[in-house]
Amino acid sequence: MKTKKEVKPLDTLRAEYEAELRAMINQRLGNLESIVDNVIEKAAFEIVANAIGVKRDRWDDVWEVDHCNGRRSAVAEELGKRAMEQVRETIPTFVGQFTKKRGMKIALQREFDEQYERRLMNAVREAAVEMANYDAEEAIAAFRQIAKP
């Protein structure tokens, strides 16, 4: 025995559709608020991290000091200034104790010069690696744009 299919009036269907649509919109708006909060929280964390000179390595998903193209954060720069002030205050007294003999002064100067040269070469190597990595990332990004199907 076939049952007769109930036919709803158009106004009833329209009201049900509007109620479902409003419920769906309200649910999405509620989800949207939490999504926006999450995005803002992540962005704020990265902004603060960048301000103190730290960045996230996207490949390994680890945080590291941001050395890119010689950039330094304001915090790192201030720490460096304070450290140099302490070194400048301490060195004359420290060196004065050992430089009473002329031979010691010459040896210290020679050691200083050698260490300076080594550190300078290391800094140049590090800068070259950073610049090469940056250029490689740009080249890969450009290639990806070209290679997109």
C-alpha atoms as a PDB file:
ATOM      1  CA  MET A   1       0.000   0.000   0.000  1.00  0.00           C
ATOM      2  CA  LYS A   2       1.374   3.324  -1.070  1.00  0.00           C
ATOM      3  CA  THR A   3       1.330   6.184   1.343  1.00  0.00           C
ATOM      4  CA  LYS A   4       0.529   9.566   0.122  1.00  0.00           C
ATOM      5  CA  LYS A   5       3.579  11.849   0.193  1.00  0.00           C
ATOM      6  CA  GLU A   6       3.025  14.859   2.381  1.00  0.00           C
ATOM      7  CA  VAL A   7       3.347  18.095   0.430  1.00  0.00           C
ATOM      8  CA  LYS A   8       4.358  21.131   2.441  1.00  0.00           C
ATOM      9  CA  PRO A   9       3.255  24.565   1.437  1.00  0.00           C
ATOM     10  CA  LEU A  10       5.897  26.803  -0.131  1.00  0.00           C
ATOM     11  CA  ASP A  11       5.861  29.242   2.802  1.00  0.00           C
ATOM     12  CA  THR A  12       6.584  26.405   5.238  1.00  0.00           C
ATOM     13  CA  LEU A  13       9.473  25.144   3.101  1.00  0.00           C
ATOM     14  CA  ARG A  14      10.870  28.645   2.787  1.00  0.00           C
ATOM     15  CA  ALA A  15      10.679  29.190   6.578  1.00  0.00           C
ATOM     16  CA  GLU A  16      12.423  25.832   7.261  1.00  0.00           C
ATOM     17  CA  TYR A  17      15.131  26.623   4.713  1.00  0.00           C
ATOM     18  CA  GLU A  18      15.719  30.079   6.224  1.00  0.00           C
ATOM     19  CA  ALA A  19      15.922  28.614   9.738  1.00  0.00           C
ATOM     20  CA  GLU A  20      18.488  26.004   8.617  1.00  0.00           C
ATOM     21  CA  LEU A  21      20.455  28.622   6.697  1.00  0.00           C
ATOM     22  CA  ARG A  22      20.532  30.979   9.714  1.00  0.00           C
ATOM     23  CA  ALA A  23      21.658  28.141  11.998  1.00  0.00           C
ATOM     24  CA  MET A  24      24.445  27.225   9.561  1.00  0.00           C
ATOM     25  CA  ILE A  25      25.560  30.868   9.231  1.00  0.00           C
ATOM     26  CA  ASN A  26      25.584  31.325  13.028  1.00  0.00           C
ATOM     27  CA  GLN A  27      27.629  28.136  13.439  1.00  0.00           C
ATOM     28  CA  ARG A  28      30.162  29.301  10.833  1.00  0.00           C
ATOM     29  CA  LEU A  29      30.382  32.744  12.425  1.00  0.00           C
ATOM     30  CA  GLY A  30      31.087  31.089  15.775  1.00  0.00           C
ATOM     31  CA  ASN A  31      33.820  28.975  14.174  1.00  0.00           C
ATOM     32  CA  LEU A  32      35.180  32.020  12.365  1.00  0.00           C
ATOM     33  CA  GLU A  33      35.755  33.839  15.649  1.00  0.00           C
ATOM     34  CA  SER A  34      37.884  31.006  17.037  1.00  0.00           C
ATOM     35  CA  ILE A  35      39.778  30.700  13.732  1.00  0.00           C
ATOM     36  CA  VAL A  36      40.561  34.443  13.746  1.00  0.00           C
ATOM     37  CA  ASP A  37      41.653  34.244  17.402  1.00  0.00           C
ATOM     38  CA  ASN A  38      44.040  31.379  16.567  1.00  0.00           C
ATOM     39  CA  VAL A  39      45.508  33.218  13.580  1.00  0.00           C
ATOM     40  CA  ILE A  40      46.021  36.393  15.614  1.00  0.00           C
ATOM     41  CA  GLU A  41      47.634  34.441  18.458  1.00  0.00           C
ATOM     42  CA  LYS A  42      50.067  32.700  16.083  1.00  0.00           C
ATOM     43  CA  ALA A  43      50.864  35.948  14.254  1.00  0.00           C
ATOM     44  CA  ALA A  44      51.443  37.798  17.534  1.00  0.00           C
ATOM     45  CA  PHE A  45      53.803  35.065  18.724  1.00  0.00           C
ATOM     46  CA  GLU A  46      55.834  35.242  15.512  1.00  0.00           C
ATOM     47  CA  ILE A  47      55.912  39.051  15.594  1.00  0.00           C
ATOM     48  CA  VAL A  48      57.269  39.023  19.152  1.00  0.00           C
ATOM     49  CA  ALA A  49      59.746  36.258  18.252  1.00  0.00           C
ATOM     50  CA  ASN A  50      60.985  38.268  15.259  1.00  0.00           C
ATOM     51  CA  ALA A  51      61.321  41.374  17.439  1.00  0.00           C
ATOM     52  CA  ILE A  52      63.724  39.536  19.734  1.00  0.00           C
ATOM     53  CA  GLY A  53      65.672  38.093  16.801  1.00  0.00           C
ATOM     54  CA  VAL A  54      64.271  34.561  16.582  1.00  0.00           C
ATOM     55  CA  LYS A  55      62.626  32.933  13.571  1.00  0.00           C
ATOM     56  CA  ARG A  56      61.032  29.588  12.833  1.00  0.00           C
ATOM     57  CA  ASP A  57      62.732  27.326  10.302  1.00  0.00           C
ATOM     58  CA  ARG A  58      59.812  26.219   8.142  1.00  0.00           C
ATOM     59  CA  TRP A  59      61.583  23.068   6.905  1.00  0.00           C
ATOM     60  CA  ASP A  60      62.508  21.609  10.287  1.00  0.00           C
ATOM     61  CA  ASP A  61      59.837  23.459  12.299  1.00  0.00           C
ATOM     62  CA  VAL A  62      62.370  24.622  14.886  1.00  0.00           C
ATOM     63  CA  TRP A  63      63.147  28.077  16.249  1.00  0.00           C
ATOM     64  CA  GLU A  64      66.571  29.612  15.651  1.00  0.00           C
ATOM     65  CA  VAL A  65      68.367  32.941  15.909  1.00  0.00           C
ATOM     66  CA  ASP A  66      67.613  35.125  12.884  1.00  0.00           C
ATOM     67  CA  HIS A  67      70.930  35.892  11.162  1.00  0.00           C
ATOM     68  CA  CYS A  68      69.471  36.558   7.703  1.00  0.00           C
ATOM     69  CA  ASN A  69      71.558  39.092   5.769  1.00  0.00           C
ATOM     70  CA  GLY A  70      73.057  40.550   8.920  1.00  0.00           C
ATOM     71  CA  ARG A  71      69.741  41.521  10.524  1.00  0.00           C
ATOM     72  CA  ARG A  72      69.804  41.910  14.266  1.00  0.00           C
ATOM     73  CA  SER A  73      66.932  42.508  16.577  1.00  0.00           C
ATOM     74  CA  ALA A  74      66.773  45.537  18.804  1.00  0.00           C
ATOM     75  CA  VAL A  75      67.099  43.265  21.826  1.00  0.00           C
ATOM     76  CA  ALA A  76      70.181  41.486  20.452  1.00  0.00           C
ATOM     77  CA  GLU A  77      71.738  44.809  19.504  1.00  0.00           C
ATOM     78  CA  GLU A  78      71.183  46.221  22.988  1.00  0.00           C
ATOM     79  CA  LEU A  79      72.617  43.082  24.605  1.00  0.00           C
ATOM     80  CA  GLY A  80      75.644  43.364  22.314  1.00  0.00           C
ATOM     81  CA  LYS A  81      76.180  47.002  23.314  1.00  0.00           C
ATOM     82  CA  ARG A  82      76.023  46.164  27.014  1.00  0.00           C
ATOM     83  CA  ALA A  83      78.385  43.219  26.596  1.00  0.00           C
ATOM     84  CA  MET A  84      80.879  45.427  24.734  1.00  0.00           C
ATOM     85  CA  GLU A  85      80.687  48.053  27.504  1.00  0.00           C
ATOM     86  CA  GLN A  86      81.563  45.384  30.057  1.00  0.00           C
ATOM     87  CA  VAL A  87      84.431  44.115  27.894  1.00  0.00           C
ATOM     88  CA  ARG A  88      85.817  47.637  27.462  1.00  0.00           C
ATOM     89  CA  GLU A  89      85.692  48.200  31.235  1.00  0.00           C
ATOM     90  CA  THR A  90      87.298  44.859  32.096  1.00  0.00           C
ATOM     91  CA  ILE A  91      90.000  44.486  29.419  1.00  0.00           C
ATOM     92  CA  PRO A  92      92.342  47.331  30.439  1.00  0.00           C
ATOM     93  CA  THR A  93      92.587  46.043  34.019  1.00  0.00           C
ATOM     94  CA  PHE A  94      92.928  42.426  32.947  1.00  0.00           C
ATOM     95  CA  VAL A  95      95.526  43.113  30.260  1.00  0.00           C
ATOM     96  CA  GLY A  96      97.388  45.510  32.544  1.00  0.00           C
ATOM     97  CA  GLN A  97      98.188  42.660  34.918  1.00  0.00           C
ATOM     98  CA  PHE A  98      99.866  40.631  32.164  1.00  0.00           C
ATOM     99  CA  THR A  99     101.517  43.314  30.101  1.00  0.00           C
ATOM    100  CA  LYS A 100     104.087  44.419  32.595  1.00  0.00           C
ATOM    101  CA  LYS A 101     106.657  42.587  30.557  1.00  0.00           C
ATOM    102  CA  ARG A 102     107.123  43.798  26.977  1.00  0.00           C
ATOM    103  CA  GLY A 103     107.259  40.245  25.604  1.00  0.00           C
ATOM    104  CA  MET A 104     103.829  39.442  27.035  1.00  0.00           C
ATOM    105  CA  LYS A 105     102.343  42.547  25.438  1.00  0.00           C
ATOM    106  CA  ILE A 106     103.663  41.550  22.003  1.00  0.00           C
ATOM    107  CA  ALA A 107     102.392  37.971  22.443  1.00  0.00           C
ATOM    108  CA  LEU A 108      98.946  39.220  23.470  1.00  0.00           C
ATOM    109  CA  GLN A 109      98.796  41.575  20.489  1.00  0.00           C
ATOM    110  CA  ARG A 110      99.782  38.770  18.108  1.00  0.00           C
ATOM    111  CA  GLU A 111      97.158  36.430  19.630  1.00  0.00           C
ATOM    112  CA  PHE A 112      94.547  39.168  19.381  1.00  0.00           C
ATOM    113  CA  ASP A 113      95.353  39.760  15.711  1.00  0.00           C
ATOM    114  CA  GLU A 114      95.166  36.026  14.910  1.00  0.00           C
ATOM    115  CA  GLN A 115      91.875  35.577  16.746  1.00  0.00           C
ATOM    116  CA  TYR A 116      90.446  38.657  15.072  1.00  0.00           C
ATOM    117  CA  GLU A 117      91.379  37.370  11.623  1.00  0.00           C
ATOM    118  CA  ARG A 118      89.858  33.927  12.363  1.00  0.00           C
ATOM    119  CA  ARG A 119      86.628  35.449  13.658  1.00  0.00           C
ATOM    120  CA  LEU A 120      86.420  37.792  10.695  1.00  0.00           C
ATOM    121  CA  MET A 121      86.829  34.911   8.237  1.00  0.00           C
ATOM    122  CA  ASN A 122      84.202  32.870  10.123  1.00  0.00           C
ATOM    123  CA  ALA A 123      81.774  35.796   9.996  1.00  0.00           C
ATOM    124  CA  VAL A 124      82.345  36.165   6.245  1.00  0.00           C
ATOM    125  CA  ARG A 125      81.748  32.415   5.735  1.00  0.00           C
ATOM    126  CA  GLU A 126      78.540  32.529   7.794  1.00  0.00           C
ATOM    127  CA  ALA A 127      77.294  35.562   5.874  1.00  0.00           C
ATOM    128  CA  ALA A 128      78.054  33.817   2.549  1.00  0.00           C
ATOM    129  CA  VAL A 129      76.130  30.709   3.659  1.00  0.00           C
ATOM    130  CA  GLU A 130      73.165  32.814   4.797  1.00  0.00           C
ATOM    131  CA  MET A 131      73.116  34.782   1.554  1.00  0.00           C
ATOM    132  CA  ALA A 132      73.406  31.585  -0.510  1.00  0.00           C
ATOM    133  CA  ASN A 133      70.523  30.013   1.433  1.00  0.00           C
ATOM    134  CA  TYR A 134      68.415  33.122   0.899  1.00  0.00           C
ATOM    135  CA  ASP A 135      69.189  33.187  -2.836  1.00  0.00           C
ATOM    136  CA  ALA A 136      68.465  29.451  -3.104  1.00  0.00           C
ATOM    137  CA  GLU A 137      65.081  29.898  -1.410  1.00  0.00           C
ATOM    138  CA  GLU A 138      64.202  32.683  -3.836  1.00  0.00           C
ATOM    139  CA  ALA A 139      65.297  30.579  -6.819  1.00  0.00           C
ATOM    140  CA  ILE A 140      63.249  27.613  -5.605  1.00  0.00           C
ATOM    141  CA  ALA A 141      60.204  29.824  -5.067  1.00  0.00           C
ATOM    142  CA  ALA A 142      60.587  31.277  -8.580  1.00  0.00           C
ATOM    143  CA  PHE A 143      60.959  27.797 -10.029  1.00  0.00           C
ATOM    144  CA  ARG A 144      57.819  26.633  -8.245  1.00  0.00           C
ATOM    145  CA  GLN A 145      55.882  29.519  -9.783  1.00  0.00           C
ATOM    146  CA  ILE A 146      57.130  28.575 -13.245  1.00  0.00           C
ATOM    147  CA  ALA A 147      56.609  24.838 -12.750  1.00  0.00           C
ATOM    148  CA  LYS A 148      52.978  25.124 -11.581  1.00  0.00           C
ATOM    149  CA  PRO A 149      50.702  23.192 -13.932  1.00  0.00           C
END
